[in-house]
Amino acid sequence: MGDKKGFQKYPRELPSKEAANHRIAHFKEFYLPPQKNLLSQQSARCMDCGVPFCHQACPLGNIIPDFNEAVHQGNWKRAYQILSATNNFPEFTGRICPAPCEASCVLNINSDPVTIEYLEKSIIERAFKEGWVQAAKNIDRNGIAVAVVGSGPAGMACADQLNQMGYLVTLYERNDKIGGLLRYGIPDFKLEKNIIDRRIEVMKAGGISMLTSVNVGYDLQGDELLEKYDAVVLTGGATIPRDLPIKGRSLKGVYFAMDFLEQKNRMVAGEVLSEAANIDVADKHVMVIGGGDTGADCVGTAKRLKAKSVTQIELLSKPPTLRKADDLWPNWPMVLRTSSSHEEGCDRQWAMLTKKFVAADGVHLSGIEIVNVTWKKGEHQNHKMVEIPNSKKVIPCERAFLAIGFVHPQKEGLLNQLGLALDQRGNVATQDYRTSVAKVYAAGDMRRGQSLVVWAIAEGRQAAAALHQDFFGKESIRQGAMLAV
């Protein structure tokens, strides 16, 4: 520890953000440059806790105290080396990860946690600025060709790991650009797309072949894929959204959240939308159904597109602002979280059940009928939803976005062609990332269900390790892992 009393001397502090009324005028990231010594002070708050629970909470196992200490000492290159040993893409996790590591920080027992996520972002941005992020060079190729299908964070991480271990990797993407959900699901005000493009160039320079606008399972059949490659890793994500099959669902004005977000990401990237296809929210009352991150992204996007009003409703009860007595550290706390999008203006309501979509003209959405609910414990301690009598009302609404999660990957096409076994939830069933078909692996949301970007990266890395073990045996895993560092 460079400063044994750092956690006592310095409060938790993040760089300032551009004022909400200014940042909603654009789609760019809005954190301002940090004040002098801020990063040194924040890294000094990482205490000598003995057992760093942040390791356990991070799916990647990031060596957090070590890179914090390197930052405090001003040894940024060392900090980058430590961070990149476990995390392929800190520029993504440093921007859009919910930071489970911070929830498990020992300081979080009775104080505010270390700003781990922002320190990650600062380290990798310094590394790019100084030219330390270089493409893999002089790789000893093993001649084994692997296809990675799906270029989201799991696919990118898997491809990166395999490439560094000597495999001939081809990364497939059915959209016109690499990035998956990072590119088409996350708004630019959280992750500008030049950040993805910068990393893609490094990966290409390292030898990874990237093929876009190829819908594997349609443009390239499953049997052709198996014939062409020695192994295949499926990282296509959980792309089928959860629907809300209630009266009025087919009205014009009701959309899946991801359809809205993808369209607006393409718009920000410069694509021209036809008037007929455009999901216009300007001067409209917007309702976001679902209280998670995807819903919050819809809120921020709608605000920037000048919606008249934005309301976000959640089925569950409003969480407390602080941990309850039975919600113990170091578990992920069930507390109220306010995103930057909520700060920009949003009417948030909880414990509301959507009953039906309403159209004054029978065609176009004009309102949503909702009812207040309460949650009561049953005899088996399970919570049961109960509608509150006489609480039904209609909220004016011309655009509704369903942000209530994803159920499973697309089965039509590749999964059906390969005849893969599925689990009870409809995800690809695996045994240590190995599917029911030989030489076919799966990772990310396609395997584990809808999850976090940090889990996707971890899954991609672990699937690469499983594949490497199958080709070269257990004794090669340690060497392979070291090569990937």
Protein backbone atom coordinates (compact mmCIF):
# COMPACT_ATOMS: atom_id res chain seq x y z
CA MET A 1 0.00 0.00 0.00
CA GLY A 2 1.35 3.38 -0.99
CA ASP A 3 -0.87 5.18 1.50
CA LYS A 4 -2.03 3.12 4.44
CA LYS A 5 -4.59 5.73 5.44
CA GLY A 6 -5.81 6.56 1.94
CA PHE A 7 -9.26 5.10 2.58
CA GLN A 8 -9.56 7.41 5.61
CA LYS A 9 -8.11 10.53 3.98
CA TYR A 10 -9.97 10.55 0.67
CA PRO A 11 -13.71 10.20 0.02
CA ARG A 12 -14.98 8.29 -2.99
CA GLU A 13 -15.03 10.65 -5.94
CA LEU A 14 -15.65 10.36 -9.68
CA PRO A 15 -14.99 12.95 -12.37
CA SER A 16 -17.77 15.45 -12.94
CA LYS A 17 -20.37 14.85 -15.61
CA GLU A 18 -21.62 17.32 -18.15
CA ALA A 19 -24.88 18.87 -16.88
CA ALA A 20 -27.92 16.78 -17.76
CA ASN A 21 -29.64 19.57 -19.70
CA HIS A 22 -26.53 19.90 -21.88
CA ARG A 23 -25.66 16.27 -22.46
CA ILE A 24 -29.13 15.33 -23.70
CA ALA A 25 -28.39 17.49 -26.73
CA HIS A 26 -25.92 14.89 -28.03
CA PHE A 27 -25.05 11.18 -27.94
CA LYS A 28 -21.40 11.45 -26.91
CA GLU A 29 -19.88 10.29 -23.62
CA PHE A 30 -20.17 13.02 -21.03
CA TYR A 31 -17.65 12.49 -18.22
CA LEU A 32 -15.30 15.46 -17.90
CA PRO A 33 -11.50 15.06 -17.51
CA PRO A 34 -10.55 14.20 -13.90
CA GLN A 35 -9.00 16.80 -11.65
CA LYS A 36 -5.28 16.59 -10.91
CA ASN A 37 -4.34 13.84 -8.42
CA LEU A 38 -7.89 12.38 -8.45
CA LEU A 39 -6.81 8.99 -9.80
CA SER A 40 -3.86 8.75 -7.43
CA GLN A 41 -6.10 9.54 -4.48
CA GLN A 42 -8.86 7.16 -5.54
CA SER A 43 -6.43 4.29 -6.08
CA ALA A 44 -4.95 5.04 -2.63
CA ARG A 45 -8.36 4.26 -1.11
CA CYS A 46 -7.79 0.56 -1.92
CA MET A 47 -6.93 -0.71 1.54
CA ASP A 48 -4.76 -3.64 2.60
CA CYS A 49 -7.88 -5.67 3.34
CA GLY A 50 -6.12 -9.05 3.55
CA VAL A 51 -8.82 -10.93 1.66
CA PRO A 52 -9.81 -8.93 -1.44
CA PHE A 53 -13.46 -9.89 -1.92
CA CYS A 54 -13.45 -7.87 -5.14
CA HIS A 55 -11.57 -10.81 -6.72
CA GLN A 56 -14.43 -13.16 -5.87
CA ALA A 57 -17.08 -10.77 -7.16
CA CYS A 58 -15.40 -10.14 -10.52
CA PRO A 59 -16.19 -12.90 -13.04
CA LEU A 60 -12.83 -12.20 -14.68
CA GLY A 61 -10.90 -12.43 -11.43
CA ASN A 62 -9.26 -9.05 -12.05
CA ILE A 63 -6.29 -8.48 -9.73
CA ILE A 64 -7.73 -5.23 -8.45
CA PRO A 65 -5.54 -4.30 -5.45
CA ASP A 66 -2.41 -4.78 -7.54
CA PHE A 67 -3.40 -2.49 -10.38
CA ASN A 68 -4.73 0.06 -7.90
CA GLU A 69 -1.34 0.10 -6.17
CA ALA A 70 0.45 0.51 -9.50
CA VAL A 71 -1.75 3.51 -10.35
CA HIS A 72 -1.03 5.09 -6.97
CA GLN A 73 2.70 4.65 -7.58
CA GLY A 74 2.35 6.25 -11.00
CA ASN A 75 3.42 3.04 -12.74
CA TRP A 76 0.67 3.04 -15.34
CA LYS A 77 2.34 0.54 -17.64
CA ARG A 78 2.53 -1.97 -14.81
CA ALA A 79 -1.12 -1.29 -14.02
CA TYR A 80 -2.01 -2.03 -17.65
CA GLN A 81 -0.01 -5.27 -17.64
CA ILE A 82 -1.82 -6.46 -14.51
CA LEU A 83 -5.26 -5.49 -15.80
CA SER A 84 -4.83 -6.92 -19.29
CA ALA A 85 -3.65 -10.24 -17.86
CA THR A 86 -7.25 -11.05 -16.89
CA ASN A 87 -9.39 -8.67 -18.94
CA ASN A 88 -9.26 -8.51 -22.75
CA PHE A 89 -11.37 -5.35 -22.98
CA PRO A 90 -11.12 -3.00 -19.97
CA GLU A 91 -12.35 -0.19 -22.22
CA PHE A 92 -15.75 -1.95 -22.29
CA THR A 93 -16.00 -3.05 -18.66
CA GLY A 94 -14.66 0.34 -17.53
CA ARG A 95 -17.68 1.97 -19.13
CA ILE A 96 -20.68 -0.37 -19.02
CA CYS A 97 -20.07 -2.95 -16.29
CA PRO A 98 -22.31 -2.57 -13.20
CA ALA A 99 -19.16 -3.25 -11.15
CA PRO A 100 -20.00 -6.19 -8.88
CA CYS A 101 -16.41 -5.80 -7.64
CA GLU A 102 -17.32 -2.47 -6.07
CA ALA A 103 -20.31 -3.99 -4.29
CA SER A 104 -17.95 -6.50 -2.68
CA CYS A 105 -15.21 -4.01 -1.82
CA VAL A 106 -14.37 -4.31 1.88
CA LEU A 107 -14.82 -0.56 2.22
CA ASN A 108 -18.43 -1.06 1.20
CA ILE A 109 -19.19 -2.65 4.56
CA ASN A 110 -19.50 0.74 6.22
CA SER A 111 -18.28 3.29 3.69
CA ASP A 112 -18.15 3.95 -0.06
CA PRO A 113 -16.23 1.47 -2.24
CA VAL A 114 -13.14 2.13 -4.31
CA THR A 115 -13.86 3.54 -7.79
CA ILE A 116 -12.64 0.33 -9.42
CA GLU A 117 -14.57 0.67 -12.66
CA TYR A 118 -13.34 4.19 -13.41
CA LEU A 119 -9.76 3.20 -12.57
CA GLU A 120 -10.04 0.35 -15.10
CA LYS A 121 -11.18 2.80 -17.76
CA SER A 122 -8.39 5.22 -16.87
CA ILE A 123 -5.71 2.51 -17.09
CA ILE A 124 -6.74 1.27 -20.52
CA GLU A 125 -7.19 4.78 -21.93
CA ARG A 126 -3.69 5.65 -20.73
CA ALA A 127 -2.41 2.44 -22.33
CA PHE A 128 -3.91 3.32 -25.70
CA LYS A 129 -2.60 6.87 -25.46
CA GLU A 130 0.94 5.68 -24.68
CA GLY A 131 0.87 3.03 -27.43
CA TRP A 132 1.15 0.06 -25.06
CA VAL A 133 -1.84 -1.74 -26.59
CA GLN A 134 -0.26 -3.66 -29.42
CA ALA A 135 -1.41 -6.43 -31.72
CA ALA A 136 -0.16 -9.91 -30.89
CA LYS A 137 3.06 -10.60 -32.79
CA ASN A 138 5.25 -13.58 -33.68
CA ILE A 139 2.52 -16.07 -32.76
CA ASP A 140 3.51 -19.72 -33.16
CA ARG A 141 0.56 -20.99 -35.21
CA ASN A 142 -0.71 -24.52 -34.59
CA GLY A 143 -2.61 -24.84 -37.88
CA ILE A 144 -6.00 -25.45 -36.23
CA ALA A 145 -8.83 -23.40 -37.76
CA VAL A 146 -11.62 -22.23 -35.45
CA ALA A 147 -14.83 -20.35 -36.28
CA VAL A 148 -16.30 -18.09 -33.61
CA VAL A 149 -19.91 -17.29 -34.48
CA GLY A 150 -21.15 -14.07 -32.93
CA SER A 151 -19.01 -10.98 -32.39
CA GLY A 152 -20.32 -9.60 -29.12
CA PRO A 153 -18.05 -9.41 -26.07
CA ALA A 154 -18.02 -13.20 -25.58
CA GLY A 155 -17.09 -13.84 -29.20
CA MET A 156 -14.48 -11.11 -29.29
CA ALA A 157 -12.87 -12.38 -26.08
CA CYS A 158 -12.86 -15.99 -27.26
CA ALA A 159 -11.37 -15.02 -30.62
CA ASP A 160 -8.71 -12.91 -28.92
CA GLN A 161 -7.69 -15.70 -26.57
CA LEU A 162 -7.58 -18.39 -29.24
CA ASN A 163 -5.61 -16.16 -31.60
CA GLN A 164 -2.97 -15.51 -28.98
CA MET A 165 -2.72 -19.25 -28.32
CA GLY A 166 -1.91 -19.92 -31.98
CA TYR A 167 -5.24 -20.85 -33.55
CA LEU A 168 -6.37 -19.60 -36.96
CA VAL A 169 -9.51 -17.72 -35.94
CA THR A 170 -12.37 -16.45 -38.06
CA LEU A 171 -14.97 -14.30 -36.29
CA TYR A 172 -18.42 -14.26 -37.92
CA GLU A 173 -21.06 -11.55 -37.52
CA ARG A 174 -24.46 -11.43 -39.22
CA ASN A 175 -24.70 -7.63 -38.95
CA ASP A 176 -22.62 -5.29 -41.07
CA LYS A 177 -20.14 -4.45 -38.30
CA ILE A 178 -18.37 -6.30 -35.50
CA GLY A 179 -19.46 -5.75 -31.91
CA GLY A 180 -22.82 -7.41 -31.36
CA LEU A 181 -24.73 -5.93 -28.45
CA LEU A 182 -21.85 -3.56 -27.69
CA ARG A 183 -22.41 -1.84 -31.02
CA TYR A 184 -26.13 -2.19 -31.59
CA GLY A 185 -27.55 -2.35 -28.07
CA ILE A 186 -25.49 0.08 -25.99
CA PRO A 187 -26.08 3.81 -26.74
CA ASP A 188 -23.11 5.96 -27.70
CA PHE A 189 -23.49 8.13 -24.60
CA LYS A 190 -22.34 5.05 -22.65
CA LEU A 191 -19.98 3.54 -25.22
CA GLU A 192 -18.93 5.48 -28.29
CA LYS A 193 -18.41 3.12 -31.18
CA ASN A 194 -14.92 4.35 -32.04
CA ILE A 195 -13.90 2.58 -28.82
CA ILE A 196 -15.00 -0.73 -30.37
CA ASP A 197 -13.42 0.09 -33.74
CA ARG A 198 -10.10 0.87 -32.04
CA ARG A 199 -10.00 -2.59 -30.46
CA ILE A 200 -11.12 -4.31 -33.67
CA GLU A 201 -8.15 -2.85 -35.53
CA VAL A 202 -5.77 -4.27 -32.90
CA MET A 203 -7.38 -7.71 -33.20
CA LYS A 204 -7.27 -7.67 -37.00
CA ALA A 205 -3.63 -6.66 -36.94
CA GLY A 206 -2.99 -9.63 -34.65
CA GLY A 207 -4.24 -12.05 -37.28
CA ILE A 208 -7.96 -12.55 -36.58
CA SER A 209 -10.12 -12.78 -39.71
CA MET A 210 -13.47 -11.01 -39.36
CA LEU A 211 -16.39 -11.71 -41.68
CA THR A 212 -19.47 -9.48 -41.42
CA SER A 213 -22.91 -9.68 -43.06
CA VAL A 214 -22.71 -13.47 -42.89
CA ASN A 215 -25.73 -15.02 -41.18
CA VAL A 216 -24.35 -18.42 -40.22
CA GLY A 217 -27.14 -20.96 -40.49
CA TYR A 218 -28.52 -19.24 -43.59
CA ASP A 219 -25.69 -17.83 -45.70
CA LEU A 220 -23.44 -20.62 -44.42
CA GLN A 221 -25.07 -23.88 -43.32
CA GLY A 222 -24.17 -25.71 -40.13
CA ASP A 223 -22.70 -28.75 -41.90
CA GLU A 224 -20.60 -26.47 -44.12
CA LEU A 225 -19.25 -24.77 -41.01
CA LEU A 226 -18.21 -28.08 -39.42
CA GLU A 227 -16.60 -29.21 -42.64
CA LYS A 228 -14.66 -25.98 -43.05
CA TYR A 229 -13.30 -25.63 -39.50
CA ASP A 230 -11.65 -27.91 -36.96
CA ALA A 231 -13.80 -26.44 -34.16
CA VAL A 232 -16.64 -23.98 -33.73
CA VAL A 233 -17.49 -21.71 -30.80
CA LEU A 234 -21.03 -20.32 -30.65
CA THR A 235 -21.31 -16.91 -29.00
CA GLY A 236 -24.47 -15.56 -30.59
CA GLY A 237 -26.14 -14.25 -27.45
CA ALA A 238 -29.68 -14.52 -26.11
CA THR A 239 -31.37 -12.62 -28.90
CA ILE A 240 -35.05 -13.53 -28.48
CA PRO A 241 -36.73 -10.82 -26.37
CA ARG A 242 -39.36 -11.57 -23.75
CA ASP A 243 -42.74 -10.45 -25.05
CA LEU A 244 -45.78 -9.08 -23.25
CA PRO A 245 -48.77 -10.92 -24.79
CA ILE A 246 -51.60 -8.75 -23.54
CA LYS A 247 -54.52 -7.05 -25.26
CA GLY A 248 -53.39 -4.38 -27.71
CA ARG A 249 -49.86 -5.79 -28.15
CA SER A 250 -50.17 -5.50 -31.95
CA LEU A 251 -51.01 -1.79 -31.89
CA LYS A 252 -48.75 0.58 -33.80
CA GLY A 253 -46.43 2.19 -31.29
CA VAL A 254 -45.48 -0.89 -29.21
CA TYR A 255 -41.90 -2.07 -29.79
CA PHE A 256 -39.23 -4.26 -28.29
CA ALA A 257 -36.61 -2.09 -26.60
CA MET A 258 -33.74 -3.57 -28.60
CA ASP A 259 -35.44 -2.71 -31.91
CA PHE A 260 -35.53 0.92 -30.78
CA LEU A 261 -31.96 0.96 -29.46
CA GLU A 262 -30.47 -0.73 -32.52
CA GLN A 263 -32.23 1.65 -34.86
CA LYS A 264 -31.01 4.71 -32.97
CA ASN A 265 -27.47 3.36 -32.72
CA ARG A 266 -27.48 2.99 -36.48
CA MET A 267 -28.86 6.52 -36.80
CA VAL A 268 -26.06 7.94 -34.64
CA ALA A 269 -23.57 6.02 -36.81
CA GLY A 270 -24.86 7.94 -39.83
CA GLU A 271 -27.31 5.50 -41.38
CA VAL A 272 -30.33 7.15 -42.97
CA LEU A 273 -33.70 5.82 -41.82
CA SER A 274 -36.76 5.84 -44.02
CA GLU A 275 -39.67 7.84 -42.67
CA ALA A 276 -41.84 4.72 -42.63
CA ALA A 277 -39.35 2.66 -40.61
CA ASN A 278 -38.32 5.39 -38.18
CA ILE A 279 -39.47 4.87 -34.57
CA ASP A 280 -40.13 8.52 -33.88
CA VAL A 281 -40.41 9.62 -30.24
CA ALA A 282 -40.14 13.37 -30.72
CA ASP A 283 -42.93 15.17 -28.86
CA LYS A 284 -44.42 11.81 -27.85
CA HIS A 285 -45.34 10.39 -24.45
CA VAL A 286 -42.96 7.43 -24.03
CA MET A 287 -43.42 4.48 -21.67
CA VAL A 288 -40.56 2.09 -20.91
CA ILE A 289 -41.77 -1.19 -19.42
CA GLY A 290 -38.97 -2.78 -17.40
CA GLY A 291 -36.65 -1.28 -14.82
CA GLY A 292 -33.26 -2.69 -15.84
CA ASP A 293 -30.29 -1.30 -17.77
CA THR A 294 -31.91 -1.80 -21.17
CA GLY A 295 -34.89 0.23 -19.98
CA ALA A 296 -32.59 2.97 -18.70
CA ASP A 297 -30.86 3.05 -22.10
CA CYS A 298 -34.26 3.61 -23.71
CA VAL A 299 -34.89 6.46 -21.28
CA GLY A 300 -31.64 8.24 -22.14
CA THR A 301 -32.15 7.70 -25.85
CA ALA A 302 -35.74 8.98 -25.79
CA LYS A 303 -34.65 12.09 -23.87
CA ARG A 304 -32.05 12.87 -26.51
CA LEU A 305 -34.65 12.46 -29.24
CA LYS A 306 -36.89 15.05 -27.55
CA ALA A 307 -39.71 12.91 -26.20
CA LYS A 308 -42.48 14.93 -24.56
CA SER A 309 -42.38 12.75 -21.46
CA VAL A 310 -40.63 9.54 -20.42
CA THR A 311 -42.06 7.15 -17.84
CA GLN A 312 -40.40 3.92 -16.71
CA ILE A 313 -42.42 1.34 -14.81
CA GLU A 314 -41.27 -1.75 -12.95
CA LEU A 315 -43.32 -4.73 -11.77
CA LEU A 316 -41.37 -5.18 -8.54
CA SER A 317 -41.55 -2.93 -5.49
CA LYS A 318 -39.24 0.06 -5.14
CA PRO A 319 -35.93 -1.09 -3.64
CA PRO A 320 -34.54 0.56 -0.50
CA THR A 321 -31.77 3.14 -0.81
CA LEU A 322 -29.59 1.21 1.66
CA ARG A 323 -29.01 -2.50 2.27
CA LYS A 324 -31.57 -4.21 4.44
CA ALA A 325 -30.40 -6.09 7.51
CA ASP A 326 -30.72 -9.44 5.72
CA ASP A 327 -29.05 -8.19 2.51
CA LEU A 328 -25.50 -8.81 3.64
CA TRP A 329 -22.16 -7.73 2.22
CA PRO A 330 -20.37 -8.96 0.10
CA ASN A 331 -23.45 -10.03 -1.88
CA TRP A 332 -24.78 -7.83 -4.66
CA PRO A 333 -27.05 -5.39 -2.81
CA MET A 334 -30.72 -5.14 -3.72
CA VAL A 335 -30.88 -1.35 -3.52
CA LEU A 336 -32.22 1.49 -5.63
CA ARG A 337 -29.90 2.41 -8.48
CA THR A 338 -30.18 5.67 -10.36
CA SER A 339 -28.47 5.75 -13.73
CA SER A 340 -27.23 8.79 -15.62
CA SER A 341 -30.30 8.45 -17.85
CA HIS A 342 -32.61 8.72 -14.86
CA GLU A 343 -30.77 11.88 -13.80
CA GLU A 344 -31.71 13.41 -17.14
CA GLY A 345 -35.41 13.30 -16.36
CA CYS A 346 -37.74 10.35 -16.02
CA ASP A 347 -40.88 9.52 -14.06
CA ARG A 348 -40.02 6.19 -12.39
CA GLN A 349 -42.82 4.11 -10.92
CA TRP A 350 -42.72 0.74 -9.19
CA ALA A 351 -45.10 -2.11 -8.38
CA MET A 352 -47.12 -1.61 -11.55
CA LEU A 353 -48.60 -4.32 -13.75
CA THR A 354 -49.36 -3.56 -17.40
CA LYS A 355 -52.87 -4.81 -18.17
CA LYS A 356 -53.43 -3.71 -21.77
CA PHE A 357 -52.40 -1.31 -24.51
CA VAL A 358 -55.07 1.21 -25.52
CA ALA A 359 -55.76 2.88 -28.88
CA ALA A 360 -58.27 5.73 -29.16
CA ASP A 361 -58.57 5.08 -32.91
CA GLY A 362 -58.23 1.31 -32.64
CA VAL A 363 -54.87 1.33 -34.46
CA HIS A 364 -52.32 3.67 -32.88
CA LEU A 365 -51.20 3.41 -29.26
CA SER A 366 -52.61 6.22 -27.12
CA GLY A 367 -52.33 4.86 -23.57
CA ILE A 368 -51.46 1.98 -21.28
CA GLU A 369 -53.79 0.58 -18.66
CA ILE A 370 -51.89 -0.30 -15.51
CA VAL A 371 -52.79 -1.49 -12.02
CA ASN A 372 -50.84 -1.11 -8.80
CA VAL A 373 -49.73 -4.31 -7.14
CA THR A 374 -48.27 -5.41 -3.85
CA TRP A 375 -46.04 -8.37 -3.08
CA LYS A 376 -46.94 -10.66 -0.19
CA LYS A 377 -45.12 -13.64 1.22
CA GLY A 378 -46.90 -16.96 0.82
CA GLU A 379 -46.85 -19.91 3.17
CA HIS A 380 -43.62 -21.18 1.60
CA GLN A 381 -41.95 -17.75 1.89
CA ASN A 382 -42.34 -17.17 -1.83
CA HIS A 383 -43.58 -13.76 -2.88
CA LYS A 384 -46.95 -13.51 -4.56
CA MET A 385 -48.20 -10.56 -6.57
CA VAL A 386 -51.60 -9.18 -5.59
CA GLU A 387 -53.43 -6.46 -7.52
CA ILE A 388 -54.58 -3.52 -5.41
CA PRO A 389 -58.35 -2.99 -5.79
CA ASN A 390 -59.57 0.18 -7.51
CA SER A 391 -56.06 1.16 -8.63
CA LYS A 392 -56.48 0.73 -12.38
CA LYS A 393 -55.71 3.77 -14.50
CA VAL A 394 -54.71 4.65 -18.05
CA ILE A 395 -51.43 6.50 -18.57
CA PRO A 396 -51.15 8.51 -21.81
CA CYS A 397 -48.60 6.86 -24.08
CA GLU A 398 -47.81 6.94 -27.79
CA ARG A 399 -44.64 4.85 -27.78
CA ALA A 400 -44.09 1.84 -25.52
CA PHE A 401 -40.83 -0.08 -25.30
CA LEU A 402 -40.68 -3.58 -23.84
CA ALA A 403 -37.45 -3.88 -21.85
CA ILE A 404 -38.26 -7.01 -19.88
CA GLY A 405 -35.33 -9.20 -20.80
CA PHE A 406 -34.42 -11.96 -23.22
CA VAL A 407 -35.52 -15.57 -23.05
CA HIS A 408 -33.05 -17.63 -25.12
CA PRO A 409 -30.97 -17.68 -28.30
CA GLN A 410 -32.47 -18.01 -31.76
CA LYS A 411 -33.01 -21.70 -32.46
CA GLU A 412 -34.03 -21.44 -36.10
CA GLY A 413 -31.09 -21.79 -38.42
CA LEU A 414 -27.76 -22.80 -36.95
CA LEU A 415 -28.79 -24.35 -33.62
CA ASN A 416 -31.41 -26.54 -35.25
CA GLN A 417 -29.10 -27.48 -38.10
CA LEU A 418 -26.41 -28.63 -35.68
CA GLY A 419 -28.96 -30.53 -33.58
CA LEU A 420 -27.64 -29.09 -30.32
CA ALA A 421 -29.15 -30.14 -27.01
CA LEU A 422 -30.82 -27.30 -25.10
CA ASP A 423 -31.36 -26.82 -21.38
CA GLN A 424 -34.72 -26.24 -19.66
CA ARG A 425 -34.56 -22.52 -20.39
CA GLY A 426 -33.89 -23.01 -24.09
CA ASN A 427 -30.22 -22.09 -23.92
CA VAL A 428 -27.47 -24.23 -25.45
CA ALA A 429 -26.71 -27.04 -23.00
CA THR A 430 -23.02 -27.48 -22.24
CA GLN A 431 -20.59 -29.47 -20.12
CA ASP A 432 -17.73 -27.09 -19.34
CA TYR A 433 -18.53 -25.10 -22.50
CA ARG A 434 -18.68 -28.26 -24.63
CA THR A 435 -22.00 -28.78 -26.41
CA SER A 436 -23.67 -32.08 -27.27
CA VAL A 437 -21.95 -32.02 -30.68
CA ALA A 438 -18.24 -32.82 -30.87
CA LYS A 439 -15.90 -29.89 -31.54
CA VAL A 440 -18.72 -27.38 -31.00
CA TYR A 441 -18.54 -25.10 -27.97
CA ALA A 442 -20.77 -22.35 -26.64
CA ALA A 443 -20.21 -19.32 -24.41
CA GLY A 444 -21.87 -16.12 -23.25
CA ASP A 445 -25.59 -15.39 -23.10
CA MET A 446 -26.29 -18.19 -25.59
CA ARG A 447 -25.10 -20.64 -22.94
CA ARG A 448 -25.80 -18.99 -19.57
CA GLY A 449 -28.73 -16.72 -20.44
CA GLN A 450 -28.97 -12.95 -20.36
CA SER A 451 -26.13 -11.56 -18.27
CA LEU A 452 -23.45 -8.88 -17.93
CA VAL A 453 -20.69 -7.81 -20.32
CA VAL A 454 -18.08 -8.89 -17.77
CA TRP A 455 -19.60 -12.37 -17.67
CA ALA A 456 -19.60 -12.52 -21.46
CA ILE A 457 -15.88 -11.74 -21.60
CA ALA A 458 -15.16 -14.30 -18.88
CA GLU A 459 -17.20 -16.94 -20.70
CA GLY A 460 -15.38 -16.31 -23.97
CA ARG A 461 -12.03 -16.74 -22.24
CA GLN A 462 -13.11 -19.94 -20.51
CA ALA A 463 -14.55 -21.46 -23.68
CA ALA A 464 -11.22 -20.82 -25.39
CA ALA A 465 -9.45 -22.61 -22.52
CA ALA A 466 -11.80 -25.60 -22.81
CA LEU A 467 -11.18 -25.86 -26.54
CA HIS A 468 -7.42 -25.58 -26.04
CA GLN A 469 -7.50 -28.36 -23.44
CA ASP A 470 -9.35 -30.66 -25.82
CA PHE A 471 -6.77 -30.19 -28.55
CA PHE A 472 -3.61 -30.16 -26.47
CA GLY A 473 -4.45 -31.66 -23.06
CA LYS A 474 -4.50 -30.37 -19.51
CA GLU A 475 -0.76 -29.74 -19.38
CA SER A 476 -1.12 -27.07 -22.06
CA ILE A 477 -3.69 -24.96 -20.21
CA ARG A 478 -1.21 -23.10 -18.04
CA GLN A 479 1.02 -22.38 -21.02
CA GLY A 480 -1.97 -21.33 -23.08
CA ALA A 481 -3.19 -19.00 -20.36
CA MET A 482 0.26 -17.43 -20.12
CA LEU A 483 0.38 -16.91 -23.87
CA ALA A 484 -2.99 -15.20 -23.68
CA VAL A 485 -1.57 -12.72 -21.15
